[in-house]
Amino acid sequence: MTGLRKWNRWIAILTGAILLVCAGIVLLDIVLRRMGSSLGGTDEISGYVMAIATSWGMGFTLLELGHVRIDILRGRAGQIGRAVFDLFAMSVLAGTVTLIAVKCLPVLSRSLANSSRANTPLETPLAWVQLPWLAGWIWFALVAWATLVAALKLVLKGRFQHAEAAIGAFGEEETRT
């Protein structure tokens, strides 16, 4: 888990830097538009950047327990019950993200086979955008499965508090240290 957190911090920093650069380009385009000119395509580029940043940011958010969960039943359960709810939630998440990644593969494959380009003035080759987008979903799936396996091992060893720290849910009144 420590290694995954370290990698995800670097990915989050890189993703944040890319978002800042994108915001700078959009800001420059806004200023240029006020002066009667434009870079053109900033809306398209920012959409691509947002999709890629989102797919890559999900793994970081998972390890920081930032994903939203409805935990009304979990909060009323004992230690073992919370562990079961957490493992179930992580299993469903890992399975769902894996399904998304698997369904993204044909999208990229078709774009490569057809040399697909965006139907926009930039005519961006879609594979340029879809490859890092798909890689982000694959990374998220790998992080989810690795986290699930680590938490399952902790639960089987009876280390419930450590498992909860890895995959638990924290309510509004709780703070994570």
N, C-alpha and C. Protein backbone atom coordinates (compact mmCIF):
# COMPACT_ATOMS: atom_id res chain seq x y z
N MET A 1 0.83 -1.20 0.00
CA MET A 1 0.00 0.00 0.00
C MET A 1 0.87 1.26 0.00
N THR A 2 1.98 1.21 0.70
CA THR A 2 2.85 2.38 0.77
C THR A 2 3.40 2.71 -0.61
N GLY A 3 3.80 1.68 -1.35
CA GLY A 3 4.30 1.90 -2.71
C GLY A 3 3.24 2.48 -3.63
N LEU A 4 2.03 1.97 -3.53
CA LEU A 4 0.93 2.50 -4.35
C LEU A 4 0.64 3.96 -4.00
N ARG A 5 0.66 4.26 -2.71
CA ARG A 5 0.43 5.66 -2.31
C ARG A 5 1.51 6.57 -2.86
N LYS A 6 2.74 6.11 -2.82
CA LYS A 6 3.86 6.92 -3.33
C LYS A 6 3.68 7.19 -4.83
N TRP A 7 3.39 6.13 -5.58
CA TRP A 7 3.18 6.29 -7.03
C TRP A 7 2.00 7.23 -7.30
N ASN A 8 0.92 7.04 -6.55
CA ASN A 8 -0.27 7.85 -6.78
C ASN A 8 -0.05 9.31 -6.42
N ARG A 9 0.79 9.58 -5.44
CA ARG A 9 1.11 10.99 -5.14
C ARG A 9 1.81 11.64 -6.32
N TRP A 10 2.77 10.93 -6.90
CA TRP A 10 3.48 11.48 -8.07
C TRP A 10 2.54 11.65 -9.26
N ILE A 11 1.66 10.68 -9.44
CA ILE A 11 0.68 10.79 -10.52
C ILE A 11 -0.24 11.99 -10.27
N ALA A 12 -0.66 12.18 -9.02
CA ALA A 12 -1.54 13.32 -8.69
C ALA A 12 -0.82 14.64 -8.93
N ILE A 13 0.46 14.72 -8.59
CA ILE A 13 1.22 15.95 -8.82
C ILE A 13 1.34 16.23 -10.31
N LEU A 14 1.66 15.20 -11.08
CA LEU A 14 1.77 15.36 -12.54
C LEU A 14 0.42 15.74 -13.14
N THR A 15 -0.63 15.09 -12.70
CA THR A 15 -1.97 15.41 -13.20
C THR A 15 -2.35 16.85 -12.85
N GLY A 16 -2.04 17.26 -11.64
CA GLY A 16 -2.30 18.64 -11.24
C GLY A 16 -1.53 19.64 -12.08
N ALA A 17 -0.28 19.33 -12.38
CA ALA A 17 0.53 20.22 -13.22
C ALA A 17 -0.06 20.33 -14.63
N ILE A 18 -0.52 19.20 -15.16
CA ILE A 18 -1.14 19.21 -16.49
C ILE A 18 -2.42 20.05 -16.46
N LEU A 19 -3.21 19.92 -15.40
CA LEU A 19 -4.43 20.73 -15.28
C LEU A 19 -4.10 22.22 -15.17
N LEU A 20 -3.04 22.55 -14.45
CA LEU A 20 -2.63 23.96 -14.35
C LEU A 20 -2.20 24.52 -15.70
N VAL A 21 -1.43 23.74 -16.45
CA VAL A 21 -1.01 24.17 -17.78
C VAL A 21 -2.24 24.37 -18.67
N CYS A 22 -3.17 23.43 -18.60
CA CYS A 22 -4.41 23.54 -19.39
C CYS A 22 -5.19 24.80 -18.99
N ALA A 23 -5.28 25.06 -17.70
CA ALA A 23 -5.99 26.26 -17.24
C ALA A 23 -5.28 27.52 -17.74
N GLY A 24 -3.96 27.49 -17.76
CA GLY A 24 -3.20 28.63 -18.28
C GLY A 24 -3.47 28.87 -19.76
N ILE A 25 -3.57 27.79 -20.52
CA ILE A 25 -3.85 27.91 -21.96
C ILE A 25 -5.25 28.47 -22.18
N VAL A 26 -6.22 27.98 -21.39
CA VAL A 26 -7.58 28.49 -21.51
C VAL A 26 -7.62 29.97 -21.13
N LEU A 27 -6.92 30.34 -20.07
CA LEU A 27 -6.87 31.74 -19.66
C LEU A 27 -6.24 32.61 -20.75
N LEU A 28 -5.16 32.13 -21.35
CA LEU A 28 -4.53 32.86 -22.45
C LEU A 28 -5.50 33.03 -23.61
N ASP A 29 -6.25 31.97 -23.92
CA ASP A 29 -7.22 32.05 -25.01
C ASP A 29 -8.31 33.08 -24.69
N ILE A 30 -8.75 33.13 -23.44
CA ILE A 30 -9.77 34.12 -23.05
C ILE A 30 -9.23 35.53 -23.25
N VAL A 31 -8.00 35.77 -22.83
CA VAL A 31 -7.39 37.10 -22.98
C VAL A 31 -7.25 37.44 -24.47
N LEU A 32 -6.81 36.47 -25.25
CA LEU A 32 -6.67 36.71 -26.69
C LEU A 32 -8.01 37.00 -27.35
N ARG A 33 -9.06 36.33 -26.91
CA ARG A 33 -10.39 36.59 -27.47
C ARG A 33 -10.83 38.02 -27.19
N ARG A 34 -10.49 38.55 -26.02
CA ARG A 34 -10.83 39.94 -25.69
C ARG A 34 -10.08 40.91 -26.60
N MET A 35 -8.98 40.43 -27.17
CA MET A 35 -8.16 41.28 -28.05
C MET A 35 -8.44 41.00 -29.53
N GLY A 36 -9.46 40.16 -29.80
CA GLY A 36 -9.87 39.91 -31.18
C GLY A 36 -9.19 38.72 -31.84
N SER A 37 -8.51 37.87 -31.07
CA SER A 37 -7.84 36.71 -31.63
C SER A 37 -8.21 35.49 -30.79
N SER A 38 -7.66 34.34 -31.12
CA SER A 38 -7.94 33.12 -30.35
C SER A 38 -6.93 32.04 -30.71
N LEU A 39 -6.63 31.21 -29.74
CA LEU A 39 -5.79 30.03 -30.02
C LEU A 39 -6.61 28.98 -30.77
N GLY A 40 -7.88 28.88 -30.44
CA GLY A 40 -8.76 27.89 -31.07
C GLY A 40 -8.55 26.50 -30.50
N GLY A 41 -9.62 25.82 -30.24
CA GLY A 41 -9.56 24.43 -29.79
C GLY A 41 -9.34 24.24 -28.31
N THR A 42 -9.32 25.32 -27.54
CA THR A 42 -9.07 25.14 -26.11
C THR A 42 -10.19 24.38 -25.42
N ASP A 43 -11.42 24.52 -25.89
CA ASP A 43 -12.51 23.76 -25.30
C ASP A 43 -12.33 22.27 -25.55
N GLU A 44 -11.89 21.92 -26.74
CA GLU A 44 -11.65 20.52 -27.07
C GLU A 44 -10.49 19.96 -26.24
N ILE A 45 -9.40 20.69 -26.20
CA ILE A 45 -8.22 20.23 -25.47
C ILE A 45 -8.52 20.10 -23.99
N SER A 46 -9.22 21.08 -23.42
CA SER A 46 -9.53 21.00 -21.99
C SER A 46 -10.45 19.82 -21.68
N GLY A 47 -11.32 19.49 -22.59
CA GLY A 47 -12.17 18.30 -22.40
C GLY A 47 -11.35 17.03 -22.38
N TYR A 48 -10.38 16.94 -23.29
CA TYR A 48 -9.50 15.77 -23.31
C TYR A 48 -8.68 15.68 -22.03
N VAL A 49 -8.13 16.80 -21.61
CA VAL A 49 -7.32 16.84 -20.40
C VAL A 49 -8.16 16.44 -19.19
N MET A 50 -9.38 16.91 -19.13
CA MET A 50 -10.25 16.58 -18.01
C MET A 50 -10.55 15.07 -17.96
N ALA A 51 -10.81 14.46 -19.10
CA ALA A 51 -11.09 13.03 -19.14
C ALA A 51 -9.87 12.22 -18.69
N ILE A 52 -8.70 12.60 -19.16
CA ILE A 52 -7.47 11.91 -18.79
C ILE A 52 -7.16 12.12 -17.31
N ALA A 53 -7.27 13.36 -16.84
CA ALA A 53 -6.99 13.66 -15.43
C ALA A 53 -7.94 12.91 -14.51
N THR A 54 -9.19 12.80 -14.90
CA THR A 54 -10.17 12.09 -14.08
C THR A 54 -9.81 10.61 -13.98
N SER A 55 -9.50 9.98 -15.10
CA SER A 55 -9.19 8.55 -15.05
C SER A 55 -7.95 8.28 -14.21
N TRP A 56 -6.94 9.14 -14.31
CA TRP A 56 -5.72 8.94 -13.53
C TRP A 56 -5.90 9.35 -12.07
N GLY A 57 -6.77 10.29 -11.79
CA GLY A 57 -6.96 10.76 -10.43
C GLY A 57 -7.76 9.81 -9.55
N MET A 58 -8.48 8.89 -10.16
CA MET A 58 -9.34 7.99 -9.38
C MET A 58 -8.54 7.08 -8.45
N GLY A 59 -7.39 6.57 -8.90
CA GLY A 59 -6.57 5.71 -8.04
C GLY A 59 -6.08 6.45 -6.81
N PHE A 60 -5.65 7.69 -7.00
CA PHE A 60 -5.21 8.52 -5.86
C PHE A 60 -6.37 8.73 -4.89
N THR A 61 -7.51 9.07 -5.42
CA THR A 61 -8.69 9.32 -4.59
C THR A 61 -9.08 8.07 -3.81
N LEU A 62 -8.95 6.91 -4.44
CA LEU A 62 -9.28 5.66 -3.76
C LEU A 62 -8.39 5.46 -2.54
N LEU A 63 -7.09 5.62 -2.71
CA LEU A 63 -6.17 5.38 -1.60
C LEU A 63 -6.27 6.44 -0.51
N GLU A 64 -6.79 7.60 -0.86
CA GLU A 64 -7.00 8.65 0.14
C GLU A 64 -8.40 8.58 0.74
N LEU A 65 -9.14 7.52 0.41
CA LEU A 65 -10.51 7.29 0.88
C LEU A 65 -11.41 8.47 0.56
N GLY A 66 -11.23 9.01 -0.64
CA GLY A 66 -12.00 10.18 -1.06
C GLY A 66 -13.25 9.88 -1.85
N HIS A 67 -13.47 8.62 -2.20
CA HIS A 67 -14.68 8.27 -2.93
C HIS A 67 -15.88 8.29 -1.99
N VAL A 68 -17.00 8.71 -2.49
CA VAL A 68 -18.22 8.82 -1.69
C VAL A 68 -18.84 7.44 -1.53
N ARG A 69 -19.25 7.15 -0.30
CA ARG A 69 -19.98 5.91 -0.01
C ARG A 69 -21.10 6.24 0.94
N ILE A 70 -22.21 5.57 0.76
CA ILE A 70 -23.33 5.71 1.69
C ILE A 70 -23.10 4.65 2.76
N ASP A 71 -22.83 5.11 3.96
CA ASP A 71 -22.41 4.18 5.01
C ASP A 71 -23.36 4.10 6.20
N ILE A 72 -24.65 4.27 5.95
CA ILE A 72 -25.61 4.26 7.06
C ILE A 72 -25.64 2.89 7.76
N LEU A 73 -25.59 1.80 7.01
CA LEU A 73 -25.59 0.47 7.62
C LEU A 73 -24.22 0.15 8.21
N ARG A 74 -23.19 0.54 7.52
CA ARG A 74 -21.83 0.25 7.96
C ARG A 74 -21.55 0.87 9.32
N GLY A 75 -22.03 2.08 9.53
CA GLY A 75 -21.79 2.78 10.78
C GLY A 75 -22.45 2.11 11.98
N ARG A 76 -23.46 1.32 11.73
CA ARG A 76 -24.18 0.65 12.82
C ARG A 76 -23.65 -0.75 13.08
N ALA A 77 -22.75 -1.21 12.25
CA ALA A 77 -22.21 -2.57 12.37
C ALA A 77 -21.00 -2.57 13.30
N GLY A 78 -20.68 -3.73 13.80
CA GLY A 78 -19.48 -3.90 14.61
C GLY A 78 -18.25 -3.97 13.71
N GLN A 79 -17.15 -4.27 14.32
CA GLN A 79 -15.87 -4.29 13.61
C GLN A 79 -15.87 -5.28 12.45
N ILE A 80 -16.35 -6.48 12.67
CA ILE A 80 -16.39 -7.49 11.61
C ILE A 80 -17.41 -7.09 10.54
N GLY A 81 -18.56 -6.58 10.94
CA GLY A 81 -19.57 -6.13 9.99
C GLY A 81 -19.05 -5.01 9.09
N ARG A 82 -18.33 -4.05 9.70
CA ARG A 82 -17.75 -2.96 8.90
C ARG A 82 -16.74 -3.52 7.90
N ALA A 83 -15.95 -4.49 8.34
CA ALA A 83 -14.96 -5.11 7.45
C ALA A 83 -15.65 -5.79 6.27
N VAL A 84 -16.76 -6.47 6.53
CA VAL A 84 -17.51 -7.14 5.46
C VAL A 84 -18.07 -6.10 4.49
N PHE A 85 -18.67 -5.03 5.01
CA PHE A 85 -19.19 -3.97 4.15
C PHE A 85 -18.07 -3.35 3.31
N ASP A 86 -16.92 -3.09 3.95
CA ASP A 86 -15.80 -2.48 3.24
C ASP A 86 -15.27 -3.39 2.13
N LEU A 87 -15.13 -4.67 2.45
CA LEU A 87 -14.65 -5.62 1.43
C LEU A 87 -15.65 -5.75 0.29
N PHE A 88 -16.93 -5.77 0.62
CA PHE A 88 -17.96 -5.84 -0.43
C PHE A 88 -17.89 -4.60 -1.32
N ALA A 89 -17.82 -3.42 -0.70
CA ALA A 89 -17.76 -2.17 -1.47
C ALA A 89 -16.52 -2.15 -2.36
N MET A 90 -15.38 -2.58 -1.81
CA MET A 90 -14.15 -2.57 -2.61
C MET A 90 -14.22 -3.60 -3.73
N SER A 91 -14.85 -4.73 -3.49
CA SER A 91 -15.01 -5.75 -4.53
C SER A 91 -15.86 -5.23 -5.68
N VAL A 92 -16.96 -4.58 -5.33
CA VAL A 92 -17.85 -4.01 -6.36
C VAL A 92 -17.12 -2.92 -7.14
N LEU A 93 -16.39 -2.07 -6.43
CA LEU A 93 -15.63 -1.01 -7.11
C LEU A 93 -14.59 -1.60 -8.05
N ALA A 94 -13.80 -2.56 -7.56
CA ALA A 94 -12.76 -3.16 -8.39
C ALA A 94 -13.37 -3.83 -9.63
N GLY A 95 -14.47 -4.53 -9.43
CA GLY A 95 -15.13 -5.18 -10.57
C GLY A 95 -15.67 -4.17 -11.57
N THR A 96 -16.28 -3.11 -11.07
CA THR A 96 -16.84 -2.08 -11.95
C THR A 96 -15.75 -1.38 -12.75
N VAL A 97 -14.69 -1.01 -12.07
CA VAL A 97 -13.60 -0.31 -12.75
C VAL A 97 -12.93 -1.22 -13.78
N THR A 98 -12.80 -2.49 -13.45
CA THR A 98 -12.24 -3.44 -14.41
C THR A 98 -13.13 -3.54 -15.64
N LEU A 99 -14.42 -3.60 -15.43
CA LEU A 99 -15.37 -3.65 -16.55
C LEU A 99 -15.24 -2.40 -17.42
N ILE A 100 -15.13 -1.24 -16.79
CA ILE A 100 -14.96 0.00 -17.55
C ILE A 100 -13.68 -0.06 -18.38
N ALA A 101 -12.58 -0.50 -17.76
CA ALA A 101 -11.31 -0.59 -18.49
C ALA A 101 -11.41 -1.56 -19.67
N VAL A 102 -12.07 -2.69 -19.44
CA VAL A 102 -12.24 -3.68 -20.51
C VAL A 102 -13.09 -3.10 -21.64
N LYS A 103 -14.14 -2.36 -21.30
CA LYS A 103 -15.01 -1.77 -22.33
C LYS A 103 -14.33 -0.61 -23.05
N CYS A 104 -13.31 -0.01 -22.45
CA CYS A 104 -12.57 1.07 -23.11
C CYS A 104 -11.62 0.54 -24.17
N LEU A 105 -11.16 -0.69 -24.01
CA LEU A 105 -10.21 -1.26 -24.97
C LEU A 105 -10.72 -1.24 -26.41
N PRO A 106 -11.97 -1.69 -26.68
CA PRO A 106 -12.45 -1.65 -28.06
C PRO A 106 -12.56 -0.24 -28.63
N VAL A 107 -12.81 0.74 -27.76
CA VAL A 107 -12.89 2.13 -28.21
C VAL A 107 -11.55 2.54 -28.81
N LEU A 108 -10.48 2.27 -28.07
CA LEU A 108 -9.15 2.59 -28.56
C LEU A 108 -8.80 1.75 -29.79
N SER A 109 -9.14 0.48 -29.76
CA SER A 109 -8.84 -0.40 -30.90
C SER A 109 -9.49 0.09 -32.19
N ARG A 110 -10.77 0.52 -32.10
CA ARG A 110 -11.46 1.03 -33.28
C ARG A 110 -10.81 2.32 -33.78
N SER A 111 -10.44 3.17 -32.85
CA SER A 111 -9.80 4.43 -33.25
C SER A 111 -8.48 4.18 -33.96
N LEU A 112 -7.72 3.21 -33.46
CA LEU A 112 -6.44 2.87 -34.11
C LEU A 112 -6.67 2.24 -35.48
N ALA A 113 -7.63 1.30 -35.53
CA ALA A 113 -7.90 0.60 -36.80
C ALA A 113 -8.41 1.54 -37.87
N ASN A 114 -9.22 2.53 -37.47
CA ASN A 114 -9.82 3.44 -38.44
C ASN A 114 -9.07 4.76 -38.59
N SER A 115 -7.97 4.90 -37.85
CA SER A 115 -7.26 6.18 -37.82
C SER A 115 -8.24 7.33 -37.54
N SER A 116 -9.09 7.11 -36.55
CA SER A 116 -10.15 8.07 -36.24
C SER A 116 -9.60 9.39 -35.74
N ARG A 117 -10.26 10.45 -36.18
CA ARG A 117 -9.91 11.80 -35.76
C ARG A 117 -11.17 12.47 -35.25
N ALA A 118 -10.97 13.44 -34.38
CA ALA A 118 -12.11 14.19 -33.85
C ALA A 118 -12.78 14.96 -34.97
N ASN A 119 -14.08 15.08 -34.90
CA ASN A 119 -14.85 15.82 -35.88
C ASN A 119 -14.89 17.29 -35.47
N THR A 120 -13.70 17.88 -35.39
CA THR A 120 -13.54 19.26 -34.95
C THR A 120 -12.49 19.93 -35.84
N PRO A 121 -12.34 21.22 -35.75
CA PRO A 121 -11.31 21.88 -36.56
C PRO A 121 -9.89 21.38 -36.28
N LEU A 122 -9.62 20.92 -35.06
CA LEU A 122 -8.28 20.41 -34.74
C LEU A 122 -8.03 19.02 -35.34
N GLU A 123 -9.09 18.27 -35.60
CA GLU A 123 -8.99 16.91 -36.13
C GLU A 123 -7.97 16.08 -35.35
N THR A 124 -8.09 16.13 -34.03
CA THR A 124 -7.17 15.42 -33.15
C THR A 124 -7.29 13.91 -33.38
N PRO A 125 -6.15 13.22 -33.56
CA PRO A 125 -6.21 11.75 -33.62
C PRO A 125 -6.72 11.23 -32.27
N LEU A 126 -7.84 10.54 -32.29
CA LEU A 126 -8.49 10.13 -31.05
C LEU A 126 -7.65 9.18 -30.22
N ALA A 127 -6.81 8.39 -30.86
CA ALA A 127 -5.96 7.45 -30.11
C ALA A 127 -4.99 8.20 -29.20
N TRP A 128 -4.58 9.40 -29.58
CA TRP A 128 -3.69 10.19 -28.73
C TRP A 128 -4.34 10.51 -27.40
N VAL A 129 -5.63 10.68 -27.42
CA VAL A 129 -6.38 11.01 -26.20
C VAL A 129 -6.82 9.72 -25.50
N GLN A 130 -7.26 8.75 -26.26
CA GLN A 130 -7.82 7.54 -25.68
C GLN A 130 -6.78 6.65 -25.01
N LEU A 131 -5.55 6.67 -25.50
CA LEU A 131 -4.52 5.82 -24.89
C LEU A 131 -4.21 6.23 -23.45
N PRO A 132 -3.91 7.50 -23.17
CA PRO A 132 -3.68 7.85 -21.76
C PRO A 132 -4.95 7.76 -20.91
N TRP A 133 -6.11 7.99 -21.52
CA TRP A 133 -7.38 7.85 -20.82
C TRP A 133 -7.58 6.39 -20.39
N LEU A 134 -7.37 5.46 -21.32
CA LEU A 134 -7.49 4.03 -21.02
C LEU A 134 -6.44 3.61 -19.99
N ALA A 135 -5.22 4.10 -20.13
CA ALA A 135 -4.16 3.76 -19.17
C ALA A 135 -4.56 4.18 -17.76
N GLY A 136 -5.22 5.33 -17.63
CA GLY A 136 -5.70 5.78 -16.32
C GLY A 136 -6.73 4.83 -15.73
N TRP A 137 -7.65 4.36 -16.57
CA TRP A 137 -8.65 3.40 -16.08
C TRP A 137 -8.00 2.08 -15.68
N ILE A 138 -7.02 1.63 -16.46
CA ILE A 138 -6.31 0.39 -16.12
C ILE A 138 -5.56 0.56 -14.80
N TRP A 139 -4.91 1.72 -14.63
CA TRP A 139 -4.21 1.99 -13.37
C TRP A 139 -5.19 1.97 -12.19
N PHE A 140 -6.33 2.60 -12.36
CA PHE A 140 -7.34 2.62 -11.31
C PHE A 140 -7.78 1.19 -10.96
N ALA A 141 -7.99 0.36 -11.97
CA ALA A 141 -8.39 -1.02 -11.73
C ALA A 141 -7.30 -1.78 -10.97
N LEU A 142 -6.06 -1.61 -11.38
CA LEU A 142 -4.95 -2.28 -10.69
C LEU A 142 -4.84 -1.82 -9.23
N VAL A 143 -4.98 -0.53 -9.00
CA VAL A 143 -4.94 0.00 -7.63
C VAL A 143 -6.11 -0.57 -6.82
N ALA A 144 -7.28 -0.64 -7.41
CA ALA A 144 -8.45 -1.16 -6.70
C ALA A 144 -8.26 -2.62 -6.31
N TRP A 145 -7.78 -3.44 -7.24
CA TRP A 145 -7.57 -4.86 -6.94
C TRP A 145 -6.46 -5.05 -5.92
N ALA A 146 -5.37 -4.31 -6.04
CA ALA A 146 -4.27 -4.43 -5.08
C ALA A 146 -4.73 -4.01 -3.68
N THR A 147 -5.53 -2.96 -3.62
CA THR A 147 -6.05 -2.49 -2.34
C THR A 147 -7.00 -3.53 -1.73
N LEU A 148 -7.85 -4.12 -2.55
CA LEU A 148 -8.76 -5.15 -2.08
C LEU A 148 -7.99 -6.35 -1.53
N VAL A 149 -6.98 -6.81 -2.24
CA VAL A 149 -6.20 -7.97 -1.79
C VAL A 149 -5.48 -7.64 -0.47
N ALA A 150 -4.89 -6.45 -0.38
CA ALA A 150 -4.20 -6.06 0.85
C ALA A 150 -5.17 -6.00 2.02
N ALA A 151 -6.34 -5.42 1.80
CA ALA A 151 -7.34 -5.31 2.87
C ALA A 151 -7.86 -6.69 3.27
N LEU A 152 -8.08 -7.55 2.30
CA LEU A 152 -8.55 -8.91 2.60
C LEU A 152 -7.53 -9.65 3.46
N LYS A 153 -6.26 -9.51 3.14
CA LYS A 153 -5.21 -10.14 3.95
C LYS A 153 -5.24 -9.61 5.38
N LEU A 154 -5.43 -8.31 5.52
CA LEU A 154 -5.49 -7.71 6.86
C LEU A 154 -6.69 -8.23 7.65
N VAL A 155 -7.83 -8.34 6.99
CA VAL A 155 -9.04 -8.83 7.66
C VAL A 155 -8.84 -10.29 8.08
N LEU A 156 -8.27 -11.10 7.20
CA LEU A 156 -8.05 -12.51 7.51
C LEU A 156 -7.07 -12.69 8.68
N LYS A 157 -6.19 -11.73 8.86
CA LYS A 157 -5.25 -11.77 9.98
C LYS A 157 -5.85 -11.15 11.24
N GLY A 158 -7.09 -10.63 11.14
CA GLY A 158 -7.75 -10.03 12.28
C GLY A 158 -7.31 -8.59 12.56
N ARG A 159 -6.66 -7.97 11.62
CA ARG A 159 -6.18 -6.60 11.79
C ARG A 159 -7.21 -5.64 11.20
N PHE A 160 -8.36 -5.58 11.85
CA PHE A 160 -9.50 -4.85 11.34
C PHE A 160 -9.27 -3.35 11.25
N GLN A 161 -8.58 -2.77 12.23
CA GLN A 161 -8.33 -1.33 12.20
C GLN A 161 -7.43 -0.95 11.02
N HIS A 162 -6.44 -1.78 10.73
CA HIS A 162 -5.57 -1.51 9.58
C HIS A 162 -6.35 -1.64 8.26
N ALA A 163 -7.22 -2.64 8.20
CA ALA A 163 -8.04 -2.81 7.00
C ALA A 163 -8.97 -1.62 6.82
N GLU A 164 -9.55 -1.16 7.94
CA GLU A 164 -10.45 -0.01 7.86
C GLU A 164 -9.70 1.24 7.41
N ALA A 165 -8.47 1.38 7.85
CA ALA A 165 -7.65 2.52 7.42
C ALA A 165 -7.34 2.45 5.93
N ALA A 166 -7.32 1.24 5.38
CA ALA A 166 -7.01 1.07 3.96
C ALA A 166 -8.23 1.23 3.06
N ILE A 167 -9.39 0.72 3.50
CA ILE A 167 -10.56 0.74 2.61
C ILE A 167 -11.84 1.19 3.29
N GLY A 168 -11.75 1.71 4.49
CA GLY A 168 -12.94 2.11 5.23
C GLY A 168 -13.60 3.35 4.67
N ALA A 169 -14.65 3.75 5.34
CA ALA A 169 -15.37 4.98 5.00
C ALA A 169 -15.39 5.86 6.23
N PHE A 170 -15.20 7.12 6.03
CA PHE A 170 -15.19 8.04 7.16
C PHE A 170 -16.33 9.04 6.99
N GLY A 171 -17.13 9.20 8.04
CA GLY A 171 -18.25 10.12 8.01
C GLY A 171 -17.78 11.55 8.13
N GLU A 172 -18.71 12.47 8.03
CA GLU A 172 -18.39 13.90 8.10
C GLU A 172 -17.74 14.28 9.42
N GLU A 173 -18.16 13.63 10.50
CA GLU A 173 -17.65 14.01 11.81
C GLU A 173 -16.25 13.45 12.07
N GLU A 174 -15.81 12.49 11.28
CA GLU A 174 -14.51 11.88 11.47
C GLU A 174 -13.46 12.56 10.60
N THR A 175 -12.26 12.60 11.09
CA THR A 175 -11.14 13.10 10.30
C THR A 175 -10.11 12.01 10.18
N ARG A 176 -9.45 11.95 9.07
CA ARG A 176 -8.45 10.92 8.82
C ARG A 176 -7.09 11.48 9.17
N THR A 177 -6.33 10.74 9.96
CA THR A 177 -4.98 11.20 10.32
C THR A 177 -3.92 10.49 9.57
